[in-house]
Amino acid sequence: MDSMRIDKWLWAARFFKTRSLAQDEVGLGRVLVGGQRAKPSREVRVGDRLEIHRGEEVFTVYVEALSNTRGPAAVAQTLYRETDESRVAREERKAAAKLAFEPSVTIRKGRPTKREGRELRRFKDGF
């Protein structure tokens, strides 16, 4: 096996929980192959450079091996090699998030839940 679908590889390497989630993320342009957007059916080969945006995290990895099956995390980590710059940037972002909390991360769209509505009324009535 010298190549496989990128969505299947992302699932096997445990970047995404399901293959359909990996397909959606690739389709939305959150996974770049060699700096270019790709389709979920794009073939990935050993040595390809991937940039994976997962929420606030950004991974820059090189494909080291291919696998059709999703194994344990220890095995999945042998499928790729993360660059040192990527690892340092992720650790710095995580440390900065601990020092200065970003309030916009917790903002959700839509109506408040019943519980959140009660908490808001209690807060307003207290003042």
N, C-alpha and C. Protein backbone atom coordinates (compact mmCIF):
# COMPACT_ATOMS: atom_id res chain seq x y z
N MET A 1 0.86 -1.17 0.00
CA MET A 1 0.00 0.00 0.00
C MET A 1 0.91 1.24 0.00
N ASP A 2 0.84 2.03 -1.05
CA ASP A 2 1.68 3.22 -1.14
C ASP A 2 0.89 4.51 -0.96
N SER A 3 -0.44 4.45 -0.97
CA SER A 3 -1.25 5.63 -0.72
C SER A 3 -2.62 5.22 -0.19
N MET A 4 -3.30 6.17 0.44
CA MET A 4 -4.66 5.92 0.94
C MET A 4 -5.39 7.25 1.06
N ARG A 5 -6.71 7.20 1.24
CA ARG A 5 -7.53 8.41 1.36
C ARG A 5 -7.12 9.18 2.62
N ILE A 6 -7.11 10.50 2.48
CA ILE A 6 -6.68 11.34 3.60
C ILE A 6 -7.64 11.26 4.78
N ASP A 7 -8.94 11.17 4.50
CA ASP A 7 -9.90 11.09 5.61
C ASP A 7 -9.72 9.81 6.41
N LYS A 8 -9.42 8.73 5.73
CA LYS A 8 -9.20 7.45 6.41
C LYS A 8 -7.92 7.50 7.24
N TRP A 9 -6.89 8.14 6.69
CA TRP A 9 -5.62 8.24 7.42
C TRP A 9 -5.79 9.11 8.68
N LEU A 10 -6.49 10.23 8.56
CA LEU A 10 -6.72 11.11 9.71
C LEU A 10 -7.47 10.39 10.82
N TRP A 11 -8.42 9.54 10.42
CA TRP A 11 -9.17 8.76 11.39
C TRP A 11 -8.27 7.72 12.05
N ALA A 12 -7.45 7.03 11.25
CA ALA A 12 -6.55 6.00 11.79
C ALA A 12 -5.48 6.62 12.68
N ALA A 13 -5.04 7.83 12.37
CA ALA A 13 -4.01 8.51 13.17
C ALA A 13 -4.61 9.21 14.39
N ARG A 14 -5.91 9.08 14.57
CA ARG A 14 -6.63 9.59 15.74
C ARG A 14 -6.64 11.11 15.86
N PHE A 15 -6.65 11.81 14.72
CA PHE A 15 -6.84 13.25 14.76
C PHE A 15 -8.32 13.58 14.90
N PHE A 16 -9.18 12.70 14.38
CA PHE A 16 -10.63 12.89 14.47
C PHE A 16 -11.26 11.59 14.93
N LYS A 17 -12.35 11.72 15.68
CA LYS A 17 -13.00 10.56 16.30
C LYS A 17 -13.66 9.64 15.29
N THR A 18 -14.27 10.21 14.25
CA THR A 18 -14.92 9.38 13.23
C THR A 18 -14.42 9.76 11.86
N ARG A 19 -14.58 8.85 10.93
CA ARG A 19 -14.14 9.12 9.57
C ARG A 19 -15.01 10.19 8.91
N SER A 20 -16.29 10.19 9.22
CA SER A 20 -17.17 11.21 8.63
C SER A 20 -16.82 12.60 9.16
N LEU A 21 -16.39 12.70 10.40
CA LEU A 21 -15.94 13.98 10.94
C LEU A 21 -14.66 14.43 10.22
N ALA A 22 -13.78 13.48 9.95
CA ALA A 22 -12.56 13.80 9.19
C ALA A 22 -12.91 14.27 7.79
N GLN A 23 -13.89 13.63 7.15
CA GLN A 23 -14.33 14.05 5.82
C GLN A 23 -14.85 15.48 5.85
N ASP A 24 -15.66 15.81 6.85
CA ASP A 24 -16.22 17.16 6.97
C ASP A 24 -15.11 18.20 7.14
N GLU A 25 -14.14 17.90 8.00
CA GLU A 25 -13.07 18.85 8.27
C GLU A 25 -12.19 19.07 7.04
N VAL A 26 -11.92 18.00 6.31
CA VAL A 26 -11.13 18.14 5.08
C VAL A 26 -11.92 18.95 4.06
N GLY A 27 -13.20 18.67 3.94
CA GLY A 27 -14.04 19.40 3.00
C GLY A 27 -14.16 20.87 3.32
N LEU A 28 -14.09 21.23 4.60
CA LEU A 28 -14.17 22.63 5.02
C LEU A 28 -12.83 23.36 4.90
N GLY A 29 -11.80 22.65 4.47
CA GLY A 29 -10.50 23.28 4.27
C GLY A 29 -9.66 23.38 5.52
N ARG A 30 -9.96 22.60 6.53
CA ARG A 30 -9.21 22.67 7.78
C ARG A 30 -8.02 21.71 7.80
N VAL A 31 -7.85 20.97 6.71
CA VAL A 31 -6.68 20.10 6.54
C VAL A 31 -6.03 20.46 5.22
N LEU A 32 -4.76 20.84 5.28
CA LEU A 32 -4.03 21.23 4.08
C LEU A 32 -2.96 20.21 3.78
N VAL A 33 -2.80 19.86 2.52
CA VAL A 33 -1.76 18.92 2.09
C VAL A 33 -0.75 19.73 1.28
N GLY A 34 0.44 19.87 1.81
CA GLY A 34 1.44 20.67 1.13
C GLY A 34 1.04 22.12 0.96
N GLY A 35 0.25 22.64 1.89
CA GLY A 35 -0.20 24.02 1.83
C GLY A 35 -1.42 24.25 0.97
N GLN A 36 -1.98 23.20 0.37
CA GLN A 36 -3.13 23.31 -0.52
C GLN A 36 -4.34 22.62 0.09
N ARG A 37 -5.54 23.17 -0.16
CA ARG A 37 -6.77 22.50 0.27
C ARG A 37 -6.91 21.18 -0.47
N ALA A 38 -7.59 20.24 0.14
CA ALA A 38 -7.74 18.92 -0.46
C ALA A 38 -9.18 18.45 -0.30
N LYS A 39 -9.55 17.49 -1.12
CA LYS A 39 -10.84 16.83 -0.98
C LYS A 39 -10.65 15.61 -0.08
N PRO A 40 -11.73 15.10 0.53
CA PRO A 40 -11.60 13.93 1.40
C PRO A 40 -11.07 12.69 0.68
N SER A 41 -11.25 12.63 -0.64
CA SER A 41 -10.78 11.46 -1.39
C SER A 41 -9.33 11.59 -1.82
N ARG A 42 -8.67 12.69 -1.46
CA ARG A 42 -7.28 12.91 -1.84
C ARG A 42 -6.40 11.80 -1.29
N GLU A 43 -5.52 11.31 -2.11
CA GLU A 43 -4.60 10.26 -1.68
C GLU A 43 -3.42 10.89 -0.93
N VAL A 44 -3.08 10.31 0.19
CA VAL A 44 -1.95 10.77 0.99
C VAL A 44 -0.87 9.68 0.93
N ARG A 45 0.38 10.12 0.83
CA ARG A 45 1.50 9.19 0.73
C ARG A 45 2.51 9.46 1.85
N VAL A 46 3.38 8.51 2.09
CA VAL A 46 4.42 8.69 3.10
C VAL A 46 5.30 9.86 2.66
N GLY A 47 5.56 10.77 3.59
CA GLY A 47 6.37 11.94 3.31
C GLY A 47 5.57 13.20 3.06
N ASP A 48 4.25 13.09 2.88
CA ASP A 48 3.41 14.27 2.67
C ASP A 48 3.38 15.13 3.93
N ARG A 49 3.32 16.43 3.73
CA ARG A 49 3.23 17.39 4.84
C ARG A 49 1.78 17.83 4.98
N LEU A 50 1.21 17.64 6.18
CA LEU A 50 -0.18 18.00 6.45
C LEU A 50 -0.23 19.09 7.51
N GLU A 51 -1.16 20.02 7.33
CA GLU A 51 -1.44 21.02 8.34
C GLU A 51 -2.88 20.82 8.77
N ILE A 52 -3.07 20.43 10.01
CA ILE A 52 -4.39 20.04 10.52
C ILE A 52 -4.85 21.06 11.55
N HIS A 53 -5.98 21.71 11.28
CA HIS A 53 -6.58 22.68 12.20
C HIS A 53 -7.72 21.98 12.93
N ARG A 54 -7.57 21.80 14.22
CA ARG A 54 -8.59 21.13 15.03
C ARG A 54 -8.93 22.04 16.19
N GLY A 55 -10.00 22.81 16.02
CA GLY A 55 -10.37 23.79 17.04
C GLY A 55 -9.32 24.87 17.11
N GLU A 56 -8.77 25.10 18.30
CA GLU A 56 -7.72 26.09 18.48
C GLU A 56 -6.34 25.52 18.18
N GLU A 57 -6.22 24.20 18.08
CA GLU A 57 -4.94 23.56 17.85
C GLU A 57 -4.61 23.49 16.36
N VAL A 58 -3.33 23.67 16.05
CA VAL A 58 -2.84 23.52 14.68
C VAL A 58 -1.66 22.56 14.72
N PHE A 59 -1.79 21.46 13.99
CA PHE A 59 -0.73 20.46 13.91
C PHE A 59 -0.08 20.54 12.54
N THR A 60 1.24 20.52 12.48
CA THR A 60 1.96 20.37 11.22
C THR A 60 2.72 19.06 11.34
N VAL A 61 2.33 18.09 10.50
CA VAL A 61 2.89 16.75 10.62
C VAL A 61 3.34 16.24 9.26
N TYR A 62 4.25 15.28 9.31
CA TYR A 62 4.68 14.55 8.12
C TYR A 62 4.19 13.12 8.26
N VAL A 63 3.63 12.58 7.18
CA VAL A 63 3.12 11.22 7.19
C VAL A 63 4.31 10.27 7.20
N GLU A 64 4.37 9.40 8.19
CA GLU A 64 5.46 8.43 8.32
C GLU A 64 5.05 7.03 7.88
N ALA A 65 3.77 6.69 8.07
CA ALA A 65 3.29 5.35 7.71
C ALA A 65 1.80 5.43 7.40
N LEU A 66 1.29 4.39 6.76
CA LEU A 66 -0.13 4.31 6.41
C LEU A 66 -0.75 3.13 7.13
N SER A 67 -2.03 3.28 7.50
CA SER A 67 -2.73 2.20 8.17
C SER A 67 -4.22 2.27 7.84
N ASN A 68 -4.82 1.13 7.54
CA ASN A 68 -6.25 1.06 7.25
C ASN A 68 -7.08 0.91 8.50
N THR A 69 -6.44 0.56 9.61
CA THR A 69 -7.18 0.31 10.85
C THR A 69 -6.83 1.35 11.91
N ARG A 70 -7.79 1.60 12.77
CA ARG A 70 -7.60 2.54 13.88
C ARG A 70 -7.17 1.73 15.09
N GLY A 71 -5.94 1.93 15.52
CA GLY A 71 -5.41 1.17 16.64
C GLY A 71 -5.30 2.03 17.88
N PRO A 72 -4.56 1.53 18.85
CA PRO A 72 -4.36 2.30 20.08
C PRO A 72 -3.57 3.59 19.79
N ALA A 73 -3.61 4.51 20.73
CA ALA A 73 -2.97 5.81 20.55
C ALA A 73 -1.46 5.67 20.32
N ALA A 74 -0.84 4.73 21.01
CA ALA A 74 0.60 4.53 20.85
C ALA A 74 0.95 4.12 19.42
N VAL A 75 0.12 3.30 18.82
CA VAL A 75 0.34 2.88 17.43
C VAL A 75 0.02 4.02 16.48
N ALA A 76 -1.04 4.78 16.77
CA ALA A 76 -1.44 5.89 15.91
C ALA A 76 -0.35 6.95 15.85
N GLN A 77 0.38 7.16 16.93
CA GLN A 77 1.43 8.18 16.95
C GLN A 77 2.62 7.80 16.08
N THR A 78 2.74 6.54 15.73
CA THR A 78 3.83 6.13 14.84
C THR A 78 3.51 6.42 13.37
N LEU A 79 2.28 6.81 13.08
CA LEU A 79 1.88 7.08 11.70
C LEU A 79 2.33 8.45 11.22
N TYR A 80 2.72 9.34 12.14
CA TYR A 80 3.10 10.69 11.75
C TYR A 80 4.24 11.19 12.64
N ARG A 81 4.88 12.27 12.16
CA ARG A 81 5.93 12.95 12.92
C ARG A 81 5.59 14.42 12.94
N GLU A 82 5.34 14.95 14.13
CA GLU A 82 5.00 16.37 14.26
C GLU A 82 6.27 17.20 14.25
N THR A 83 6.23 18.34 13.57
CA THR A 83 7.41 19.21 13.52
C THR A 83 7.63 19.87 14.88
N ASP A 84 8.88 20.21 15.15
CA ASP A 84 9.22 20.84 16.42
C ASP A 84 8.54 22.21 16.55
N GLU A 85 8.48 22.95 15.43
CA GLU A 85 7.84 24.27 15.46
C GLU A 85 6.37 24.15 15.84
N SER A 86 5.70 23.15 15.29
CA SER A 86 4.29 22.93 15.58
C SER A 86 4.09 22.60 17.05
N ARG A 87 4.91 21.72 17.56
CA ARG A 87 4.79 21.31 18.96
C ARG A 87 5.03 22.50 19.90
N VAL A 88 6.06 23.30 19.62
CA VAL A 88 6.37 24.47 20.45
C VAL A 88 5.23 25.48 20.39
N ALA A 89 4.69 25.73 19.20
CA ALA A 89 3.60 26.70 19.04
C ALA A 89 2.36 26.25 19.80
N ARG A 90 2.04 24.95 19.74
CA ARG A 90 0.87 24.45 20.48
C ARG A 90 1.07 24.59 21.98
N GLU A 91 2.28 24.28 22.48
CA GLU A 91 2.55 24.40 23.92
C GLU A 91 2.49 25.86 24.37
N GLU A 92 3.00 26.78 23.54
CA GLU A 92 2.94 28.20 23.88
C GLU A 92 1.50 28.69 23.92
N ARG A 93 0.69 28.25 22.96
CA ARG A 93 -0.71 28.65 22.91
C ARG A 93 -1.45 28.12 24.14
N LYS A 94 -1.12 26.90 24.53
CA LYS A 94 -1.76 26.30 25.71
C LYS A 94 -1.36 27.04 26.98
N ALA A 95 -0.08 27.42 27.09
CA ALA A 95 0.40 28.16 28.26
C ALA A 95 -0.24 29.55 28.30
N ALA A 96 -0.36 30.20 27.15
CA ALA A 96 -0.99 31.53 27.11
C ALA A 96 -2.45 31.45 27.50
N ALA A 97 -3.12 30.37 27.12
CA ALA A 97 -4.53 30.20 27.47
C ALA A 97 -4.71 30.04 28.98
N LYS A 98 -3.73 29.42 29.64
CA LYS A 98 -3.81 29.27 31.09
C LYS A 98 -3.60 30.61 31.80
N LEU A 99 -2.72 31.44 31.25
CA LEU A 99 -2.43 32.73 31.88
C LEU A 99 -3.55 33.73 31.69
N ALA A 100 -4.04 33.85 30.46
CA ALA A 100 -5.07 34.83 30.14
C ALA A 100 -6.22 34.12 29.44
N PHE A 101 -7.27 33.86 30.18
CA PHE A 101 -8.43 33.15 29.65
C PHE A 101 -9.12 33.98 28.57
N GLU A 102 -9.45 33.36 27.45
CA GLU A 102 -10.15 34.03 26.35
C GLU A 102 -11.65 33.82 26.52
N PRO A 103 -12.41 34.86 26.86
CA PRO A 103 -13.84 34.67 27.13
C PRO A 103 -14.65 34.25 25.91
N SER A 104 -14.20 34.60 24.72
CA SER A 104 -14.98 34.27 23.53
C SER A 104 -15.02 32.78 23.25
N VAL A 105 -14.14 32.01 23.88
CA VAL A 105 -14.13 30.56 23.67
C VAL A 105 -15.40 29.91 24.23
N THR A 106 -15.93 30.49 25.32
CA THR A 106 -17.10 29.89 25.97
C THR A 106 -18.42 30.35 25.38
N ILE A 107 -18.41 31.35 24.51
CA ILE A 107 -19.66 31.87 23.95
C ILE A 107 -20.21 30.87 22.94
N ARG A 108 -21.46 30.49 23.16
CA ARG A 108 -22.12 29.57 22.24
C ARG A 108 -23.19 30.33 21.48
N LYS A 109 -23.54 29.80 20.34
CA LYS A 109 -24.60 30.42 19.56
C LYS A 109 -25.94 29.82 19.97
N GLY A 110 -27.00 30.57 19.72
CA GLY A 110 -28.33 30.06 19.99
C GLY A 110 -28.88 30.53 21.32
N ARG A 111 -30.07 30.04 21.62
CA ARG A 111 -30.74 30.43 22.84
C ARG A 111 -30.10 29.77 24.04
N PRO A 112 -30.21 30.44 25.20
CA PRO A 112 -29.70 29.80 26.40
C PRO A 112 -30.58 28.60 26.78
N THR A 113 -29.98 27.64 27.41
CA THR A 113 -30.74 26.48 27.87
C THR A 113 -31.60 26.91 29.05
N LYS A 114 -32.49 26.02 29.46
CA LYS A 114 -33.36 26.32 30.58
C LYS A 114 -32.54 26.62 31.84
N ARG A 115 -31.51 25.84 32.04
CA ARG A 115 -30.65 26.03 33.21
C ARG A 115 -29.94 27.38 33.15
N GLU A 116 -29.40 27.74 31.98
CA GLU A 116 -28.72 29.02 31.83
C GLU A 116 -29.69 30.19 32.04
N GLY A 117 -30.94 30.03 31.58
CA GLY A 117 -31.95 31.07 31.78
C GLY A 117 -32.24 31.29 33.25
N ARG A 118 -32.36 30.21 34.01
CA ARG A 118 -32.58 30.32 35.45
C ARG A 118 -31.42 31.04 36.12
N GLU A 119 -30.19 30.68 35.71
CA GLU A 119 -29.02 31.32 36.31
C GLU A 119 -28.99 32.82 35.98
N LEU A 120 -29.36 33.18 34.76
CA LEU A 120 -29.40 34.59 34.38
C LEU A 120 -30.44 35.35 35.21
N ARG A 121 -31.64 34.75 35.39
CA ARG A 121 -32.69 35.42 36.18
C ARG A 121 -32.24 35.58 37.63
N ARG A 122 -31.60 34.54 38.18
CA ARG A 122 -31.11 34.63 39.55
C ARG A 122 -30.07 35.72 39.69
N PHE A 123 -29.19 35.84 38.69
CA PHE A 123 -28.15 36.87 38.70
C PHE A 123 -28.76 38.26 38.63
N LYS A 124 -29.73 38.44 37.75
CA LYS A 124 -30.37 39.76 37.60
C LYS A 124 -31.17 40.14 38.84
N ASP A 125 -31.87 39.20 39.44
CA ASP A 125 -32.69 39.49 40.61
C ASP A 125 -31.84 39.80 41.84
N GLY A 126 -30.62 39.30 41.86
CA GLY A 126 -29.75 39.53 43.00
C GLY A 126 -29.26 40.96 43.10
N PHE A 127 -29.31 41.68 41.99
CA PHE A 127 -28.79 43.05 41.99
C PHE A 127 -29.85 44.04 42.03
